Amino acid sequence: MGDFNHPDICWRADTAGYRKFLECADDNFLLQVTEELARRGAMLDLVLTNKEGLVGDVKLKGSLGCSDHEMVEFKILRAARRVHSKLTTLDFRKADFGLFRDLLGRIPWDKVLEGRGAQDSWLIFKGHLLQAQK
């Protein structure tokens, strides 16, 4: 979306003066969806999209302050997709932390982790932690 300075461009017929701009839009699979003429009968405020039907209800809403730029309002016509994560997470609002602390407190950590390296100690601790959450 933006303010393009090509007042004489014709989107329906390839105009020689703006061929490079039109080719650039075409090469990048961009479609122009603005229909309304703006300043002095020229279409300068454009909305480009790479997917037909993605953008609609494009309206020019007048100048913003003293600017010669037009405000452009449009709608994205796709429903937002919710990403469904396969990652399981815990709901800590339902947790009984007193029971959790009690279960982990019953484990004789000095004996369980005695003579273990950091990696083994972590795996043992993690196993007990995961067991306690059930």
C-alpha atoms as a PDB file:
ATOM      1  CA  MET A   1       0.000   0.000   0.000  1.00  0.00           C
ATOM      2  CA  GLY A   2       1.320   3.412  -0.712  1.00  0.00           C
ATOM      3  CA  ASP A   3       1.324   6.714  -2.465  1.00  0.00           C
ATOM      4  CA  PHE A   4       2.618   6.135  -5.992  1.00  0.00           C
ATOM      5  CA  ASN A   5       3.561   9.064  -8.146  1.00  0.00           C
ATOM      6  CA  HIS A   6       2.240   7.802 -11.497  1.00  0.00           C
ATOM      7  CA  PRO A   7      -0.778  10.026 -12.267  1.00  0.00           C
ATOM      8  CA  ASP A   8      -1.210   8.939 -15.894  1.00  0.00           C
ATOM      9  CA  ILE A   9      -0.859   5.185 -15.404  1.00  0.00           C
ATOM     10  CA  CYS A  10      -3.572   2.992 -16.866  1.00  0.00           C
ATOM     11  CA  TRP A  11      -3.957  -0.383 -15.169  1.00  0.00           C
ATOM     12  CA  ARG A  12      -6.179  -1.792 -17.884  1.00  0.00           C
ATOM     13  CA  ALA A  13      -3.983  -0.848 -20.852  1.00  0.00           C
ATOM     14  CA  ASP A  14      -0.204  -0.939 -20.819  1.00  0.00           C
ATOM     15  CA  THR A  15       0.933   2.687 -21.067  1.00  0.00           C
ATOM     16  CA  ALA A  16       4.438   3.102 -22.448  1.00  0.00           C
ATOM     17  CA  GLY A  17       5.456   5.770 -19.947  1.00  0.00           C
ATOM     18  CA  TYR A  18       4.849   3.478 -16.994  1.00  0.00           C
ATOM     19  CA  ARG A  19       5.742   0.156 -18.572  1.00  0.00           C
ATOM     20  CA  LYS A  20       8.646  -0.460 -16.121  1.00  0.00           C
ATOM     21  CA  PHE A  21       6.395   0.068 -13.116  1.00  0.00           C
ATOM     22  CA  LEU A  22       3.691  -2.181 -14.558  1.00  0.00           C
ATOM     23  CA  GLU A  23       6.275  -4.850 -15.468  1.00  0.00           C
ATOM     24  CA  CYS A  24       7.724  -4.708 -11.947  1.00  0.00           C
ATOM     25  CA  ALA A  25       4.273  -5.211 -10.417  1.00  0.00           C
ATOM     26  CA  ASP A  26       3.538  -8.009 -12.887  1.00  0.00           C
ATOM     27  CA  ASP A  27       6.927  -9.707 -12.351  1.00  0.00           C
ATOM     28  CA  ASN A  28       6.224  -9.783  -8.613  1.00  0.00           C
ATOM     29  CA  PHE A  29       2.694 -11.160  -9.129  1.00  0.00           C
ATOM     30  CA  LEU A  30       1.103  -8.036  -7.674  1.00  0.00           C
ATOM     31  CA  LEU A  31      -2.479  -7.011  -8.409  1.00  0.00           C
ATOM     32  CA  GLN A  32      -3.706  -3.448  -7.962  1.00  0.00           C
ATOM     33  CA  VAL A  33      -7.059  -3.322  -6.149  1.00  0.00           C
ATOM     34  CA  THR A  34      -7.763   0.418  -5.840  1.00  0.00           C
ATOM     35  CA  GLU A  35     -10.694   1.499  -8.038  1.00  0.00           C
ATOM     36  CA  GLU A  36     -11.318   5.024  -6.791  1.00  0.00           C
ATOM     37  CA  LEU A  37      -9.606   8.025  -8.390  1.00  0.00           C
ATOM     38  CA  ALA A  38      -8.000  10.429  -5.953  1.00  0.00           C
ATOM     39  CA  ARG A  39      -6.363  13.785  -6.470  1.00  0.00           C
ATOM     40  CA  ARG A  40      -7.214  15.582  -9.699  1.00  0.00           C
ATOM     41  CA  GLY A  41      -8.702  12.438 -11.231  1.00  0.00           C
ATOM     42  CA  ALA A  42      -5.526  10.380 -10.840  1.00  0.00           C
ATOM     43  CA  MET A  43      -5.147   7.044  -9.092  1.00  0.00           C
ATOM     44  CA  LEU A  44      -2.088   7.685  -6.926  1.00  0.00           C
ATOM     45  CA  ASP A  45      -2.882   5.859  -3.695  1.00  0.00           C
ATOM     46  CA  LEU A  46      -2.586   2.180  -4.503  1.00  0.00           C
ATOM     47  CA  VAL A  47      -3.156  -1.060  -2.675  1.00  0.00           C
ATOM     48  CA  LEU A  48      -1.222  -3.945  -4.202  1.00  0.00           C
ATOM     49  CA  THR A  49      -1.709  -7.576  -3.239  1.00  0.00           C
ATOM     50  CA  ASN A  50      -0.212 -10.871  -4.335  1.00  0.00           C
ATOM     51  CA  LYS A  51      -3.461 -12.805  -3.929  1.00  0.00           C
ATOM     52  CA  GLU A  52      -6.747 -12.062  -5.664  1.00  0.00           C
ATOM     53  CA  GLY A  53      -9.605 -11.762  -3.187  1.00  0.00           C
ATOM     54  CA  LEU A  54      -7.325 -11.076  -0.209  1.00  0.00           C
ATOM     55  CA  VAL A  55      -8.009  -7.328  -0.045  1.00  0.00           C
ATOM     56  CA  GLY A  56     -11.382  -5.696  -0.541  1.00  0.00           C
ATOM     57  CA  ASP A  57     -13.644  -2.802   0.341  1.00  0.00           C
ATOM     58  CA  VAL A  58     -10.933  -0.264  -0.553  1.00  0.00           C
ATOM     59  CA  LYS A  59     -12.003   3.320   0.166  1.00  0.00           C
ATOM     60  CA  LEU A  60     -10.202   6.635   0.015  1.00  0.00           C
ATOM     61  CA  LYS A  61     -11.045   8.545   3.176  1.00  0.00           C
ATOM     62  CA  GLY A  62      -9.797  12.050   2.376  1.00  0.00           C
ATOM     63  CA  SER A  63      -6.637  13.935   3.198  1.00  0.00           C
ATOM     64  CA  LEU A  64      -4.799  13.582   6.457  1.00  0.00           C
ATOM     65  CA  GLY A  65      -4.296  17.063   7.874  1.00  0.00           C
ATOM     66  CA  CYS A  66      -2.533  19.410   5.458  1.00  0.00           C
ATOM     67  CA  SER A  67      -1.037  16.522   3.498  1.00  0.00           C
ATOM     68  CA  ASP A  68      -1.866  15.903  -0.132  1.00  0.00           C
ATOM     69  CA  HIS A  69      -1.863  12.176   0.666  1.00  0.00           C
ATOM     70  CA  GLU A  70      -5.127  10.275   0.936  1.00  0.00           C
ATOM     71  CA  MET A  71      -5.993   7.941   3.770  1.00  0.00           C
ATOM     72  CA  VAL A  72      -6.761   4.487   2.389  1.00  0.00           C
ATOM     73  CA  GLU A  73      -9.027   2.087   4.240  1.00  0.00           C
ATOM     74  CA  PHE A  74      -9.328  -1.555   3.230  1.00  0.00           C
ATOM     75  CA  LYS A  75     -10.250  -4.933   4.636  1.00  0.00           C
ATOM     76  CA  ILE A  76      -8.290  -8.157   4.660  1.00  0.00           C
ATOM     77  CA  LEU A  77     -10.855 -10.743   3.564  1.00  0.00           C
ATOM     78  CA  ARG A  78      -9.312 -13.835   5.097  1.00  0.00           C
ATOM     79  CA  ALA A  79     -10.182 -15.227   8.475  1.00  0.00           C
ATOM     80  CA  ALA A  80      -7.214 -15.398  10.782  1.00  0.00           C
ATOM     81  CA  ARG A  81      -5.951 -18.934  11.032  1.00  0.00           C
ATOM     82  CA  ARG A  82      -5.392 -20.222  14.501  1.00  0.00           C
ATOM     83  CA  VAL A  83      -2.256 -22.211  14.800  1.00  0.00           C
ATOM     84  CA  HIS A  84      -2.906 -25.430  16.645  1.00  0.00           C
ATOM     85  CA  SER A  85       0.206 -26.356  18.521  1.00  0.00           C
ATOM     86  CA  LYS A  86       0.985 -30.000  19.107  1.00  0.00           C
ATOM     87  CA  LEU A  87       3.076 -28.951  22.089  1.00  0.00           C
ATOM     88  CA  THR A  88       1.480 -29.979  25.366  1.00  0.00           C
ATOM     89  CA  THR A  89       1.576 -27.313  28.043  1.00  0.00           C
ATOM     90  CA  LEU A  90       0.603 -27.389  31.671  1.00  0.00           C
ATOM     91  CA  ASP A  91      -2.187 -25.302  33.173  1.00  0.00           C
ATOM     92  CA  PHE A  92      -0.481 -24.001  36.303  1.00  0.00           C
ATOM     93  CA  ARG A  93      -3.724 -22.401  37.502  1.00  0.00           C
ATOM     94  CA  LYS A  94      -4.984 -25.892  38.357  1.00  0.00           C
ATOM     95  CA  ALA A  95      -1.761 -27.037  40.034  1.00  0.00           C
ATOM     96  CA  ASP A  96      -1.612 -28.142  43.663  1.00  0.00           C
ATOM     97  CA  PHE A  97       1.810 -26.764  44.512  1.00  0.00           C
ATOM     98  CA  GLY A  98       1.579 -27.997  48.110  1.00  0.00           C
ATOM     99  CA  LEU A  99       1.215 -31.593  46.896  1.00  0.00           C
ATOM    100  CA  PHE A 100       3.923 -31.027  44.293  1.00  0.00           C
ATOM    101  CA  ARG A 101       6.344 -29.758  46.962  1.00  0.00           C
ATOM    102  CA  ASP A 102       5.422 -32.681  49.235  1.00  0.00           C
ATOM    103  CA  LEU A 103       6.001 -35.312  46.508  1.00  0.00           C
ATOM    104  CA  LEU A 104       9.397 -33.871  45.583  1.00  0.00           C
ATOM    105  CA  GLY A 105      10.276 -33.394  49.269  1.00  0.00           C
ATOM    106  CA  ARG A 106       9.885 -37.138  49.953  1.00  0.00           C
ATOM    107  CA  ILE A 107      12.747 -38.006  47.606  1.00  0.00           C
ATOM    108  CA  PRO A 108      16.131 -38.459  49.331  1.00  0.00           C
ATOM    109  CA  TRP A 109      17.995 -36.326  46.793  1.00  0.00           C
ATOM    110  CA  ASP A 110      21.436 -36.795  48.409  1.00  0.00           C
ATOM    111  CA  LYS A 111      21.204 -40.570  47.989  1.00  0.00           C
ATOM    112  CA  VAL A 112      19.437 -40.537  44.624  1.00  0.00           C
ATOM    113  CA  LEU A 113      21.977 -38.199  43.005  1.00  0.00           C
ATOM    114  CA  GLU A 114      25.098 -39.442  44.829  1.00  0.00           C
ATOM    115  CA  GLY A 115      27.997 -40.131  42.464  1.00  0.00           C
ATOM    116  CA  ARG A 116      26.064 -38.964  39.406  1.00  0.00           C
ATOM    117  CA  GLY A 117      27.325 -36.459  36.872  1.00  0.00           C
ATOM    118  CA  ALA A 118      25.465 -33.330  35.885  1.00  0.00           C
ATOM    119  CA  GLN A 119      23.703 -34.954  32.912  1.00  0.00           C
ATOM    120  CA  ASP A 120      22.548 -38.036  34.848  1.00  0.00           C
ATOM    121  CA  SER A 121      21.479 -35.888  37.819  1.00  0.00           C
ATOM    122  CA  TRP A 122      19.427 -33.679  35.517  1.00  0.00           C
ATOM    123  CA  LEU A 123      17.722 -36.650  33.855  1.00  0.00           C
ATOM    124  CA  ILE A 124      16.855 -38.185  37.246  1.00  0.00           C
ATOM    125  CA  PHE A 125      15.563 -34.864  38.600  1.00  0.00           C
ATOM    126  CA  LYS A 126      13.577 -34.251  35.420  1.00  0.00           C
ATOM    127  CA  GLY A 127      12.045 -37.734  35.610  1.00  0.00           C
ATOM    128  CA  HIS A 128      10.899 -37.157  39.207  1.00  0.00           C
ATOM    129  CA  LEU A 129       9.603 -33.706  38.302  1.00  0.00           C
ATOM    130  CA  LEU A 130       7.559 -35.057  35.387  1.00  0.00           C
ATOM    131  CA  GLN A 131       6.255 -37.917  37.523  1.00  0.00           C
ATOM    132  CA  ALA A 132       5.159 -35.483  40.252  1.00  0.00           C
ATOM    133  CA  GLN A 133       3.208 -33.343  37.783  1.00  0.00           C
ATOM    134  CA  LYS A 134       0.988 -36.294  36.880  1.00  0.00           C
END
